Amino acid sequence: MPHISALWFNAPNATSFIGMLLVLSAVFGEAALTVLRKMLSSHVSSLLGTMYITLFSFFMFLACSFVEAQQFNFKHVGVGEMGLVLYYGIFVTALGYVLWFRGVSRVPASTAAVYTGCIPVSTLLLSYIILRESFSFAHLAGAGFVFLGIMLMSRGERR
């Protein structure tokens, strides 16, 4: 673990440490979202839940968006970039949340949580295939443990 001063200086480990903290924060946020969604699954439809999440996110980031927009050159945004934004909005955000919320309403939150382990595994595979990043035995072992955990949880659910 890097020294705490690495957070304020340009030490090589500072970026990875801050990155890990940000990812860990996102994981806690996703876990809270899953538990909250499970609590509300009988009261709020998947589509309405997705709308609430999207609307809340919109308002939460609106102020930051104004600051970012002042520094961004919109002339460099092409059709490809707009297509990516559209894809992300439809498939990753709207469809992704609707499917996730529907799934969470039908299984225990603990089972749904185990399946979030597929996110880093799919990211690992896509980074290897698309970005040509390295792939090691540690990655393979980690993916194996993720799938073992899913298998054990699924098996325990059937009993």
Protein backbone atom coordinates (compact mmCIF):
# COMPACT_ATOMS: atom_id res chain seq x y z
CA MET A 1 0.00 0.00 0.00
CA PRO A 2 1.48 3.35 -0.95
CA HIS A 3 2.32 5.99 1.61
CA ILE A 4 -0.48 8.51 2.19
CA SER A 5 1.70 11.29 0.72
CA ALA A 6 1.38 9.53 -2.63
CA LEU A 7 -2.15 10.91 -2.82
CA TRP A 8 -0.85 14.48 -3.09
CA PHE A 9 2.30 14.01 -5.14
CA ASN A 10 2.91 12.59 -8.58
CA ALA A 11 4.28 9.31 -7.28
CA PRO A 12 3.88 6.36 -9.68
CA ASN A 13 1.63 4.46 -7.27
CA ALA A 14 -0.63 7.43 -6.52
CA THR A 15 -2.65 7.03 -9.70
CA SER A 16 -3.28 3.33 -9.18
CA PHE A 17 -4.10 3.84 -5.48
CA ILE A 18 -6.60 6.60 -6.23
CA GLY A 19 -8.00 4.51 -9.08
CA MET A 20 -8.49 1.55 -6.76
CA LEU A 21 -10.24 3.78 -4.21
CA LEU A 22 -12.56 5.13 -6.91
CA VAL A 23 -13.39 1.64 -8.18
CA LEU A 24 -13.97 0.41 -4.63
CA SER A 25 -16.32 3.36 -4.04
CA ALA A 26 -18.20 2.46 -7.21
CA VAL A 27 -18.51 -1.14 -6.00
CA PHE A 28 -20.02 0.02 -2.70
CA GLY A 29 -22.41 2.27 -4.61
CA GLU A 30 -23.45 -0.59 -6.88
CA ALA A 31 -23.96 -2.86 -3.87
CA ALA A 32 -26.16 -0.25 -2.18
CA LEU A 33 -28.13 0.16 -5.42
CA THR A 34 -28.72 -3.60 -5.65
CA VAL A 35 -29.91 -3.87 -2.04
CA LEU A 36 -32.12 -0.78 -2.37
CA ARG A 37 -33.59 -2.11 -5.61
CA LYS A 38 -34.35 -5.44 -3.94
CA MET A 39 -36.13 -3.60 -1.12
CA LEU A 40 -38.26 -1.64 -3.61
CA SER A 41 -38.80 -4.39 -6.20
CA SER A 42 -42.41 -5.00 -5.24
CA HIS A 43 -43.28 -1.28 -5.28
CA VAL A 44 -41.43 0.12 -8.31
CA SER A 45 -41.32 -1.37 -11.81
CA SER A 46 -37.97 -1.98 -13.52
CA LEU A 47 -38.65 0.71 -16.10
CA LEU A 48 -39.66 3.27 -13.47
CA GLY A 49 -36.60 2.36 -11.35
CA THR A 50 -34.37 2.91 -14.38
CA MET A 51 -36.02 6.27 -14.99
CA TYR A 52 -35.43 7.31 -11.37
CA ILE A 53 -31.75 6.29 -11.53
CA THR A 54 -31.23 8.12 -14.82
CA LEU A 55 -33.06 11.23 -13.63
CA PHE A 56 -31.17 11.29 -10.33
CA SER A 57 -27.86 10.86 -12.17
CA PHE A 58 -28.78 13.65 -14.57
CA PHE A 59 -29.43 16.14 -11.77
CA MET A 60 -26.45 14.95 -9.72
CA PHE A 61 -24.00 15.61 -12.56
CA LEU A 62 -25.69 18.65 -14.12
CA ALA A 63 -23.50 21.24 -12.36
CA CYS A 64 -20.32 19.35 -13.26
CA SER A 65 -21.53 19.09 -16.85
CA PHE A 66 -21.78 22.87 -17.17
CA VAL A 67 -18.18 23.25 -16.00
CA GLU A 68 -17.03 20.51 -18.36
CA ALA A 69 -19.00 21.96 -21.29
CA GLN A 70 -17.22 25.30 -20.94
CA GLN A 71 -13.86 23.58 -21.42
CA PHE A 72 -14.92 21.14 -24.15
CA ASN A 73 -14.63 21.78 -27.87
CA PHE A 74 -17.87 20.45 -29.36
CA LYS A 75 -16.55 20.94 -32.91
CA HIS A 76 -14.52 17.74 -32.56
CA VAL A 77 -17.57 15.58 -31.82
CA GLY A 78 -18.39 13.48 -34.84
CA VAL A 79 -21.01 10.95 -35.81
CA GLY A 80 -18.96 8.12 -34.29
CA GLU A 81 -18.78 9.78 -30.90
CA MET A 82 -22.50 10.57 -30.96
CA GLY A 83 -23.19 6.94 -31.88
CA LEU A 84 -21.15 5.80 -28.88
CA VAL A 85 -23.10 8.11 -26.58
CA LEU A 86 -26.37 6.83 -28.03
CA TYR A 87 -25.23 3.20 -27.66
CA TYR A 88 -24.16 3.82 -24.07
CA GLY A 89 -27.45 5.53 -23.24
CA ILE A 90 -29.65 2.83 -24.75
CA PHE A 91 -27.82 -0.42 -24.08
CA VAL A 92 -25.52 0.20 -21.12
CA THR A 93 -27.76 2.51 -19.13
CA ALA A 94 -31.42 1.98 -20.01
CA LEU A 95 -31.49 -1.67 -21.12
CA GLY A 96 -28.76 -2.67 -18.67
CA TYR A 97 -30.61 -1.24 -15.68
CA VAL A 98 -34.00 -2.58 -16.76
CA LEU A 99 -32.56 -6.11 -17.10
CA TRP A 100 -30.62 -5.82 -13.84
CA PHE A 101 -33.62 -4.52 -11.90
CA ARG A 102 -35.87 -7.25 -13.29
CA GLY A 103 -33.31 -9.89 -12.36
CA VAL A 104 -32.79 -8.50 -8.86
CA SER A 105 -36.53 -8.55 -8.24
CA ARG A 106 -36.62 -12.30 -9.01
CA VAL A 107 -33.56 -13.59 -7.12
CA PRO A 108 -32.08 -12.87 -3.69
CA ALA A 109 -29.81 -9.82 -3.58
CA SER A 110 -26.93 -12.05 -2.49
CA THR A 111 -27.28 -14.13 -5.67
CA ALA A 112 -27.44 -11.04 -7.86
CA ALA A 113 -24.35 -9.69 -6.11
CA VAL A 114 -22.36 -12.78 -7.02
CA TYR A 115 -23.16 -12.26 -10.68
CA THR A 116 -21.57 -8.81 -10.58
CA GLY A 117 -18.32 -10.78 -10.50
CA CYS A 118 -18.90 -11.36 -14.22
CA ILE A 119 -18.26 -7.67 -14.87
CA PRO A 120 -14.49 -7.79 -14.23
CA VAL A 121 -14.22 -11.14 -16.02
CA SER A 122 -15.96 -9.81 -19.14
CA THR A 123 -13.87 -6.63 -18.93
CA LEU A 124 -10.74 -8.75 -18.68
CA LEU A 125 -11.68 -10.75 -21.76
CA LEU A 126 -12.67 -7.70 -23.79
CA SER A 127 -9.48 -5.85 -22.81
CA TYR A 128 -7.50 -8.85 -24.02
CA ILE A 129 -9.45 -9.22 -27.28
CA ILE A 130 -10.04 -5.57 -28.21
CA LEU A 131 -7.23 -3.63 -26.50
CA ARG A 132 -4.61 -6.39 -26.80
CA GLU A 133 -3.74 -6.06 -23.10
CA SER A 134 -1.73 -8.80 -21.45
CA PHE A 135 -3.38 -11.84 -19.93
CA SER A 136 -1.72 -13.76 -17.11
CA PHE A 137 -2.29 -16.85 -15.02
CA ALA A 138 -3.43 -14.62 -12.14
CA HIS A 139 -6.25 -13.31 -14.36
CA LEU A 140 -7.26 -16.83 -15.28
CA ALA A 141 -7.18 -17.93 -11.63
CA GLY A 142 -9.26 -14.91 -10.56
CA ALA A 143 -11.85 -15.61 -13.27
CA GLY A 144 -11.95 -19.23 -12.16
CA PHE A 145 -12.67 -18.19 -8.58
CA VAL A 146 -15.43 -15.86 -9.75
CA PHE A 147 -17.12 -18.68 -11.66
CA LEU A 148 -16.57 -21.09 -8.75
CA GLY A 149 -18.31 -18.58 -6.46
CA ILE A 150 -21.21 -18.24 -8.87
CA MET A 151 -21.51 -22.01 -9.13
CA LEU A 152 -21.44 -22.47 -5.34
CA MET A 153 -24.03 -19.74 -4.79
CA SER A 154 -26.30 -21.10 -7.52
CA ARG A 155 -26.00 -24.61 -6.12
CA GLY A 156 -26.84 -23.34 -2.62
CA GLU A 157 -29.94 -21.60 -3.96
CA ARG A 158 -31.38 -24.85 -5.32
CA ARG A 159 -31.24 -26.61 -1.97
